[in-house]
Amino acid sequence: MNGHARELADGFDLEKLTADFYADPYPTYRALREHAPVKRLPNGCYFLTRYDDLIAAYKNTKTFSSDKKKEFLPKYGNSLLYEHHTTSLVFNDPPAHTRVRRLIMGALSPRAIAGMEPDLIALVDSLLDRIATKDRFELIGDFASAIPVEVIGNLLDVPHDEREPLRDWSLAILGALEPVIARDAFDRGNDAVEDFLAYLETLVERRRAKPGNPERDVLTRLIRGEGNGEDNGERLTAKELLHNCIFLLNAGHETTTNLIGNGLVTLTQYPEQKQRLIAQPELIKTAVEEMLRYESSNQLGNRMIVEETELGGIKMPPGTLVTLCIGAANRDPAQFPNPEGFDVARTPNRHIAFGTGAHQCAGMALARLEGAIAISRFLKRFPNYVLDGEPVRGGRVRFRGFLSVLCRGGA
């Protein structure tokens, strides 16, 4: 067993992944933590799998930069994908990151999120009503993916009859973030950015003419942030405004879809934990945290070294690219007892599914609320749900989720 683990660690290449890895990456992550926790990949990048190393990278923003201009230029060239991924909040350092985050966080305050709960419950219940009319249903398309699209659509106040393309745009843009992409994936992502920008330009024009409530409407808040006298005179350029609206939809959509889908599938694999959660619905908050830890929606992050540093006895000069493996760190036995087990009452649970430090996910409170309401109300309505066939994975390493999960509601 130990020899096989060492072989997995020695042969690991993020740019040459196998079907077995996509189905279950955790044996490889465990092997890397044990035998090569700071793994130099063939492309010269370092791959980190230990919890403490990721915490150090997240919190030291002076050494570990999130700016992706140097990293993404060879991958995307002078394309709209490059423009998007180097302008959005998550791939920037302060002060650009600070300016945009401050504007967004104002519309994601605890009071604002609490105000979303009644509409979120109504949305979830309406989706469950539709599912109840079917002999079998598609967990992702009929339920998990429909929730965050509506929530983020509401945050940006996108008219309901204009939301249909949002999911496909999001999947195409985020799919282009995979370590290696084919030409058709690049083209789909680039076309999606172009279409999304064209749509947002018209939406912004309409919102300038008729502003919404900046306490609830993120788009109005970002537009007002461009002008003088708002948010201490902070300004967003037109490009920053448009690309961060795309980022909001993408960040809030894919990861929350994965949280709900991964969580409900995992419960079918641990029937005793499923029954425990049904019997004790008050455990939903710790259960959501465990779902985030056990099957992290976002599995990878990236940083660039800008000041020489050392990790695991390895010196890294400026310009070194580092991949942070969130999925591996969240199963590190140095931090989590019985890390390969699934426990809906696990506490403490200091997972880093949302990152930590300056780049901790701005929408994590909203994602937690969506996950808790969706999963708890689903279980109450369909306590005997079962999978109807093998779920279809998304086939991506960065974002771990399902494309399709057929289910039956059960008797």
Protein backbone atom coordinates (compact mmCIF):
# COMPACT_ATOMS: atom_id res chain seq x y z
CA MET A 1 0.00 0.00 0.00
CA ASN A 2 2.77 2.41 0.96
CA GLY A 3 4.65 1.58 -2.25
CA HIS A 4 1.54 2.33 -4.31
CA ALA A 5 1.10 5.66 -2.49
CA ARG A 6 4.68 6.64 -3.24
CA GLU A 7 4.15 5.69 -6.88
CA LEU A 8 1.04 7.89 -7.03
CA ALA A 9 2.97 10.81 -5.54
CA ASP A 10 6.01 10.35 -7.76
CA GLY A 11 3.94 10.12 -10.95
CA PHE A 12 1.51 12.95 -10.25
CA ASP A 13 1.21 15.52 -13.04
CA LEU A 14 -1.61 18.06 -12.90
CA GLU A 15 -1.50 18.35 -16.68
CA LYS A 16 -1.88 14.58 -17.27
CA LEU A 17 -4.71 13.36 -15.07
CA THR A 18 -6.39 9.96 -15.37
CA ALA A 19 -10.07 8.99 -15.37
CA ASP A 20 -9.52 7.35 -11.96
CA PHE A 21 -8.24 10.63 -10.58
CA TYR A 22 -11.27 12.58 -11.81
CA ALA A 23 -13.56 9.97 -10.23
CA ASP A 24 -11.74 10.05 -6.87
CA PRO A 25 -8.70 12.31 -6.41
CA TYR A 26 -8.39 11.72 -2.66
CA PRO A 27 -6.06 8.68 -2.69
CA THR A 28 -3.64 10.74 -4.80
CA TYR A 29 -3.99 13.73 -2.49
CA ARG A 30 -3.31 11.49 0.52
CA ALA A 31 -0.22 10.07 -1.17
CA LEU A 32 1.06 13.57 -1.95
CA ARG A 33 0.53 14.76 1.64
CA GLU A 34 2.48 11.77 2.93
CA HIS A 35 5.31 11.57 0.40
CA ALA A 36 5.54 14.88 -1.50
CA PRO A 37 3.58 17.62 0.31
CA VAL A 38 5.46 20.30 -1.64
CA LYS A 39 5.50 18.57 -5.00
CA ARG A 40 7.43 20.04 -7.92
CA LEU A 41 5.46 19.27 -11.08
CA PRO A 42 7.01 18.75 -14.54
CA ASN A 43 5.96 22.29 -15.56
CA GLY A 44 7.94 23.77 -12.64
CA CYS A 45 4.90 24.66 -10.53
CA TYR A 46 4.70 23.49 -6.89
CA PHE A 47 1.60 21.62 -5.68
CA LEU A 48 0.79 22.04 -1.97
CA THR A 49 -1.41 19.55 -0.10
CA ARG A 50 -0.87 20.21 3.64
CA TYR A 51 -3.36 22.27 5.59
CA ASP A 52 -0.75 24.37 7.39
CA ASP A 53 1.07 25.20 4.14
CA LEU A 54 -2.16 26.45 2.55
CA ILE A 55 -2.98 28.57 5.58
CA ALA A 56 0.49 30.14 5.37
CA ALA A 57 0.04 30.91 1.67
CA TYR A 58 -3.45 32.37 2.09
CA LYS A 59 -2.42 34.67 4.91
CA ASN A 60 0.88 35.93 3.47
CA THR A 61 -0.42 38.03 0.57
CA LYS A 62 2.89 39.92 0.26
CA THR A 63 4.74 36.74 -0.67
CA PHE A 64 1.93 34.76 -2.34
CA SER A 65 0.32 36.99 -4.97
CA SER A 66 -3.14 36.40 -6.48
CA ASP A 67 -2.43 38.58 -9.52
CA LYS A 68 -2.65 36.30 -12.55
CA LYS A 69 -1.40 38.52 -15.39
CA LYS A 70 1.95 36.75 -15.82
CA GLU A 71 0.46 33.28 -15.32
CA PHE A 72 -2.55 33.68 -17.63
CA LEU A 73 -0.97 35.53 -20.56
CA PRO A 74 0.74 32.42 -22.03
CA LYS A 75 -2.48 30.42 -21.52
CA TYR A 76 -5.05 32.87 -22.90
CA GLY A 77 -3.06 35.34 -24.97
CA ASN A 78 -4.58 38.75 -25.60
CA SER A 79 -8.16 37.45 -25.38
CA LEU A 80 -11.38 38.34 -23.60
CA LEU A 81 -10.79 35.35 -21.30
CA TYR A 82 -7.47 36.92 -20.30
CA GLU A 83 -9.12 40.30 -19.77
CA HIS A 84 -11.85 38.74 -17.64
CA HIS A 85 -9.74 36.52 -15.42
CA THR A 86 -7.18 39.27 -14.75
CA THR A 87 -9.81 41.89 -13.92
CA SER A 88 -12.13 39.94 -11.60
CA LEU A 89 -11.92 40.30 -7.82
CA VAL A 90 -10.47 36.89 -7.00
CA PHE A 91 -7.41 37.22 -9.27
CA ASN A 92 -6.15 40.56 -8.01
CA ASP A 93 -4.11 41.87 -5.10
CA PRO A 94 -4.77 45.01 -3.05
CA PRO A 95 -5.57 47.80 -3.71
CA ALA A 96 -7.70 46.65 -6.68
CA HIS A 97 -8.97 43.65 -4.71
CA THR A 98 -9.78 45.78 -1.66
CA ARG A 99 -11.72 48.38 -3.66
CA VAL A 100 -14.02 45.90 -5.41
CA ARG A 101 -14.48 43.66 -2.37
CA ARG A 102 -15.59 46.60 -0.23
CA LEU A 103 -18.33 47.51 -2.71
CA ILE A 104 -19.59 43.94 -3.01
CA MET A 105 -19.51 43.21 0.73
CA GLY A 106 -21.80 46.16 1.39
CA ALA A 107 -24.58 44.34 -0.46
CA LEU A 108 -23.78 41.03 1.29
CA SER A 109 -24.09 42.27 4.86
CA PRO A 110 -25.66 39.96 7.48
CA ARG A 111 -28.84 42.06 7.40
CA ALA A 112 -29.04 41.89 3.60
CA ILE A 113 -28.51 38.12 3.58
CA ALA A 114 -31.11 37.58 6.33
CA GLY A 115 -33.54 39.54 4.17
CA MET A 116 -33.04 37.03 1.34
CA GLU A 117 -34.18 34.04 3.40
CA PRO A 118 -37.97 34.22 2.77
CA ASP A 119 -37.50 34.45 -1.02
CA LEU A 120 -34.92 31.65 -0.91
CA ILE A 121 -37.31 29.36 0.99
CA ALA A 122 -40.08 30.12 -1.50
CA LEU A 123 -37.74 29.36 -4.42
CA VAL A 124 -36.59 26.04 -2.94
CA ASP A 125 -40.16 24.98 -2.14
CA SER A 126 -41.33 25.80 -5.66
CA LEU A 127 -38.53 23.63 -7.12
CA LEU A 128 -39.44 20.79 -4.75
CA ASP A 129 -43.10 21.08 -5.81
CA ARG A 130 -42.06 20.53 -9.43
CA ILE A 131 -39.84 17.60 -8.50
CA ALA A 132 -42.74 15.98 -6.59
CA THR A 133 -44.72 15.68 -9.84
CA LYS A 134 -42.03 13.49 -11.46
CA ASP A 135 -41.29 9.77 -11.12
CA ARG A 136 -37.61 10.63 -11.28
CA PHE A 137 -35.74 13.92 -11.42
CA GLU A 138 -32.34 15.36 -12.25
CA LEU A 139 -30.81 16.62 -9.01
CA ILE A 140 -28.48 19.14 -10.66
CA GLY A 141 -30.64 20.59 -13.44
CA ASP A 142 -33.97 20.42 -11.61
CA PHE A 143 -32.68 21.62 -8.26
CA ALA A 144 -29.04 22.33 -7.34
CA SER A 145 -28.11 24.58 -10.27
CA ALA A 146 -31.44 26.40 -10.36
CA ILE A 147 -31.01 27.89 -6.87
CA PRO A 148 -27.77 29.95 -7.15
CA VAL A 149 -28.65 31.22 -10.64
CA GLU A 150 -31.85 32.71 -9.22
CA VAL A 151 -30.14 34.05 -6.09
CA ILE A 152 -27.33 35.78 -7.99
CA GLY A 153 -29.82 36.88 -10.64
CA ASN A 154 -31.76 38.56 -7.86
CA LEU A 155 -28.61 40.15 -6.43
CA LEU A 156 -27.86 41.73 -9.81
CA ASP A 157 -31.60 42.21 -10.47
CA VAL A 158 -31.42 40.41 -13.81
CA PRO A 159 -34.97 40.09 -15.25
CA HIS A 160 -36.24 36.52 -14.93
CA ASP A 161 -36.84 36.13 -18.65
CA GLU A 162 -33.19 37.02 -19.34
CA ARG A 163 -31.54 34.46 -17.03
CA GLU A 164 -31.58 31.38 -19.26
CA PRO A 165 -28.04 31.81 -20.76
CA LEU A 166 -26.36 32.55 -17.41
CA ARG A 167 -25.58 28.95 -16.40
CA ASP A 168 -24.07 27.99 -19.76
CA TRP A 169 -21.96 31.16 -19.84
CA SER A 170 -20.72 30.44 -16.34
CA LEU A 171 -19.79 26.81 -17.07
CA ALA A 172 -17.88 27.82 -20.21
CA ILE A 173 -15.91 30.60 -18.51
CA LEU A 174 -15.01 28.55 -15.44
CA GLY A 175 -14.22 25.49 -17.56
CA ALA A 176 -11.42 27.51 -19.17
CA LEU A 177 -9.71 27.71 -15.75
CA GLU A 178 -8.77 24.02 -15.86
CA PRO A 179 -4.98 23.40 -15.81
CA VAL A 180 -5.08 22.26 -19.45
CA ILE A 181 -7.81 23.24 -21.93
CA ALA A 182 -8.46 22.17 -25.50
CA ARG A 183 -9.00 24.74 -28.24
CA ASP A 184 -12.76 24.21 -28.26
CA ALA A 185 -12.95 24.84 -24.49
CA PHE A 186 -10.95 28.05 -24.96
CA ASP A 187 -13.28 29.16 -27.76
CA ARG A 188 -16.40 28.39 -25.72
CA GLY A 189 -15.04 30.35 -22.77
CA ASN A 190 -14.00 33.31 -24.89
CA ASP A 191 -17.36 33.40 -26.70
CA ALA A 192 -19.16 33.24 -23.34
CA VAL A 193 -17.23 36.27 -22.03
CA GLU A 194 -18.07 38.17 -25.23
CA ASP A 195 -21.78 37.35 -25.00
CA PHE A 196 -21.91 38.05 -21.27
CA LEU A 197 -20.20 41.44 -21.68
CA ALA A 198 -22.59 42.44 -24.47
CA TYR A 199 -25.57 41.54 -22.29
CA LEU A 200 -24.20 43.34 -19.23
CA GLU A 201 -23.56 46.54 -21.19
CA THR A 202 -27.27 46.79 -21.93
CA LEU A 203 -28.20 45.83 -18.36
CA VAL A 204 -25.88 48.51 -16.94
CA GLU A 205 -27.35 51.15 -19.27
CA ARG A 206 -30.85 50.28 -18.05
CA ARG A 207 -29.75 50.34 -14.41
CA ARG A 208 -28.06 53.73 -14.78
CA ALA A 209 -31.33 55.07 -16.13
CA LYS A 210 -33.35 53.41 -13.37
CA PRO A 211 -31.19 52.58 -10.31
CA GLY A 212 -32.22 49.92 -7.81
CA ASN A 213 -31.81 49.80 -4.04
CA PRO A 214 -28.04 49.66 -3.39
CA GLU A 215 -28.67 47.80 -0.11
CA ARG A 216 -29.97 44.81 -2.11
CA ASP A 217 -28.90 45.37 -5.71
CA VAL A 218 -25.18 44.69 -6.14
CA LEU A 219 -25.16 46.09 -9.68
CA THR A 220 -26.54 49.43 -8.56
CA ARG A 221 -24.00 49.48 -5.75
CA LEU A 222 -21.12 48.83 -8.15
CA ILE A 223 -22.39 51.48 -10.56
CA ARG A 224 -22.70 54.05 -7.78
CA GLY A 225 -19.19 53.11 -6.69
CA GLU A 226 -17.90 54.35 -10.03
CA GLY A 227 -19.08 57.89 -9.38
CA ASN A 228 -17.96 60.57 -6.96
CA GLY A 229 -19.27 60.83 -3.44
CA GLU A 230 -20.06 57.15 -2.95
CA ASP A 231 -18.03 54.68 -0.91
CA ASN A 232 -15.41 57.33 -0.07
CA GLY A 233 -14.95 58.18 -3.72
CA GLU A 234 -13.92 54.64 -4.73
CA ARG A 235 -14.19 54.18 -8.46
CA LEU A 236 -14.57 51.20 -10.74
CA THR A 237 -13.70 51.49 -14.39
CA ALA A 238 -16.33 50.34 -16.89
CA LYS A 239 -14.23 47.20 -17.52
CA GLU A 240 -13.91 46.42 -13.81
CA LEU A 241 -17.64 46.84 -13.34
CA LEU A 242 -18.62 44.46 -16.14
CA HIS A 243 -16.06 41.75 -15.38
CA ASN A 244 -16.85 41.71 -11.66
CA CYS A 245 -20.54 41.24 -12.43
CA ILE A 246 -19.52 38.16 -14.45
CA PHE A 247 -17.31 37.05 -11.56
CA LEU A 248 -20.20 37.36 -9.08
CA LEU A 249 -22.43 35.11 -11.15
CA ASN A 250 -19.67 32.56 -11.75
CA ALA A 251 -18.37 32.47 -8.18
CA GLY A 252 -21.83 32.21 -6.65
CA HIS A 253 -23.18 29.73 -9.16
CA GLU A 254 -20.78 26.85 -9.74
CA THR A 255 -19.55 26.41 -6.18
CA THR A 256 -23.02 26.54 -4.58
CA THR A 257 -24.40 24.14 -7.17
CA ASN A 258 -21.58 21.77 -6.26
CA LEU A 259 -22.19 22.18 -2.52
CA ILE A 260 -25.84 21.14 -2.86
CA GLY A 261 -25.21 18.34 -5.36
CA ASN A 262 -22.13 16.94 -3.61
CA GLY A 263 -23.83 17.13 -0.23
CA LEU A 264 -26.97 15.25 -1.23
CA VAL A 265 -24.99 12.57 -3.10
CA THR A 266 -22.60 12.13 -0.15
CA LEU A 267 -25.56 11.55 2.17
CA THR A 268 -26.63 8.57 0.03
CA GLN A 269 -23.14 7.11 0.54
CA TYR A 270 -23.44 7.50 4.34
CA PRO A 271 -27.02 6.38 5.10
CA GLU A 272 -26.47 6.46 8.85
CA GLN A 273 -25.41 10.11 8.64
CA LYS A 274 -28.38 10.86 6.38
CA GLN A 275 -30.78 9.36 8.93
CA ARG A 276 -29.04 11.22 11.74
CA LEU A 277 -29.50 14.54 9.93
CA ILE A 278 -33.16 13.76 9.20
CA ALA A 279 -33.74 12.86 12.86
CA GLN A 280 -31.82 15.93 14.08
CA PRO A 281 -32.47 18.73 11.55
CA GLU A 282 -30.80 21.20 13.91
CA LEU A 283 -27.48 19.68 12.73
CA ILE A 284 -27.87 21.23 9.28
CA LYS A 285 -25.26 23.95 9.89
CA THR A 286 -22.52 21.54 10.95
CA ALA A 287 -23.62 19.17 8.18
CA VAL A 288 -23.13 21.88 5.54
CA GLU A 289 -19.65 22.62 6.92
CA GLU A 290 -18.79 18.91 6.69
CA MET A 291 -20.06 18.75 3.11
CA LEU A 292 -17.84 21.70 2.26
CA ARG A 293 -14.85 19.97 3.87
CA TYR A 294 -15.43 16.45 2.62
CA GLU A 295 -16.13 17.32 -1.04
CA SER A 296 -14.88 20.88 -1.47
CA SER A 297 -16.68 22.57 -4.36
CA ASN A 298 -13.53 24.47 -5.34
CA GLN A 299 -10.55 22.12 -5.11
CA LEU A 300 -7.64 24.27 -6.33
CA GLY A 301 -6.26 27.78 -5.93
CA ASN A 302 -3.17 29.42 -7.40
CA ARG A 303 -0.56 31.90 -6.24
CA MET A 304 2.69 33.35 -7.57
CA ILE A 305 5.72 33.87 -5.35
CA VAL A 306 6.82 37.52 -5.39
CA GLU A 307 9.35 37.38 -2.52
CA GLU A 308 11.68 34.42 -1.98
CA THR A 309 10.25 32.00 0.55
CA GLU A 310 10.67 28.44 1.82
CA LEU A 311 8.10 25.68 2.28
CA GLY A 312 8.85 22.13 3.34
CA GLY A 313 12.57 22.84 3.17
CA ILE A 314 12.30 23.97 -0.46
CA LYS A 315 13.36 27.48 -1.44
CA MET A 316 11.10 29.18 -3.96
CA PRO A 317 12.35 32.24 -5.87
CA PRO A 318 10.14 35.08 -7.15
CA GLY A 319 8.10 34.03 -10.17
CA THR A 320 7.45 30.51 -8.88
CA LEU A 321 3.87 29.32 -9.48
CA VAL A 322 2.14 27.50 -6.63
CA THR A 323 -1.08 25.47 -6.73
CA LEU A 324 -2.99 25.26 -3.44
CA CYS A 325 -4.91 21.98 -3.18
CA ILE A 326 -7.92 22.80 -1.02
CA GLY A 327 -9.38 19.31 -1.49
CA ALA A 328 -6.24 17.73 -0.03
CA ALA A 329 -5.83 20.22 2.82
CA ASN A 330 -9.42 19.65 3.93
CA ARG A 331 -8.60 15.98 4.51
CA ASP A 332 -5.30 16.53 6.29
CA PRO A 333 -5.18 14.26 9.40
CA ALA A 334 -2.98 16.83 11.13
CA GLN A 335 -6.04 19.09 11.26
CA PHE A 336 -9.06 16.76 11.03
CA PRO A 337 -9.49 13.53 13.06
CA ASN A 338 -10.69 10.69 10.82
CA PRO A 339 -10.45 12.97 7.76
CA GLU A 340 -11.74 10.37 5.28
CA GLY A 341 -14.89 9.89 7.35
CA PHE A 342 -18.07 11.95 6.98
CA ASP A 343 -19.65 13.28 10.18
CA VAL A 344 -22.62 15.69 10.03
CA ALA A 345 -21.89 16.83 13.59
CA ARG A 346 -18.12 17.34 13.18
CA THR A 347 -16.83 20.11 15.41
CA PRO A 348 -14.53 21.92 15.32
CA ASN A 349 -14.33 22.03 11.55
CA ARG A 350 -11.87 24.68 10.41
CA HIS A 351 -12.00 23.74 6.74
CA ILE A 352 -10.78 26.14 4.07
CA ALA A 353 -13.37 25.47 1.39
CA PHE A 354 -13.88 29.26 1.28
CA GLY A 355 -10.18 30.06 1.61
CA THR A 356 -9.04 32.30 4.44
CA GLY A 357 -7.37 35.66 4.95
CA ALA A 358 -7.87 38.62 2.61
CA HIS A 359 -9.26 36.43 -0.17
CA GLN A 360 -11.77 34.53 1.93
CA CYS A 361 -14.94 34.12 -0.16
CA ALA A 362 -17.03 37.30 -0.01
CA GLY A 363 -20.23 35.33 -0.51
CA MET A 364 -19.63 32.49 1.95
CA ALA A 365 -22.48 33.46 4.31
CA LEU A 366 -24.89 33.47 1.37
CA ALA A 367 -23.58 30.11 0.11
CA ARG A 368 -24.02 28.61 3.58
CA LEU A 369 -27.59 29.88 3.75
CA GLU A 370 -28.40 28.51 0.29
CA GLY A 371 -26.89 25.13 1.17
CA ALA A 372 -28.66 24.88 4.53
CA ILE A 373 -32.09 25.79 3.20
CA ALA A 374 -31.82 23.70 0.03
CA ILE A 375 -30.53 20.53 1.72
CA SER A 376 -32.70 20.68 4.84
CA ARG A 377 -35.93 21.29 2.93
CA PHE A 378 -35.04 18.64 0.35
CA LEU A 379 -34.51 16.06 3.11
CA LYS A 380 -37.76 16.99 4.81
CA ARG A 381 -39.67 16.62 1.55
CA PHE A 382 -37.86 13.53 0.20
CA PRO A 383 -36.34 11.65 3.15
CA ASN A 384 -36.25 8.39 1.16
CA TYR A 385 -34.65 9.72 -2.03
CA VAL A 386 -32.27 7.35 -3.81
CA LEU A 387 -29.90 7.63 -6.75
CA ASP A 388 -31.20 6.20 -10.01
CA GLY A 389 -28.00 5.08 -11.71
CA GLU A 390 -24.42 6.26 -11.45
CA PRO A 391 -24.01 10.06 -11.11
CA VAL A 392 -22.05 11.76 -13.89
CA ARG A 393 -19.08 13.80 -12.66
CA GLY A 394 -18.20 17.13 -14.22
CA GLY A 395 -14.81 15.92 -15.43
CA ARG A 396 -12.91 18.84 -13.96
CA VAL A 397 -10.21 19.06 -11.32
CA ARG A 398 -10.59 22.66 -10.16
CA PHE A 399 -14.34 22.60 -9.53
CA ARG A 400 -15.59 19.27 -8.18
CA GLY A 401 -19.23 18.53 -8.82
CA PHE A 402 -21.70 16.59 -10.94
CA LEU A 403 -23.12 17.24 -14.38
CA SER A 404 -26.06 14.91 -13.82
CA VAL A 405 -27.53 12.96 -10.91
CA LEU A 406 -30.74 11.07 -11.60
CA CYS A 407 -32.84 10.40 -8.49
CA ARG A 408 -36.14 9.00 -7.34
CA GLY A 409 -37.97 10.60 -4.46
CA GLY A 410 -38.68 7.32 -2.71
CA ALA A 411 -41.90 6.13 -1.16
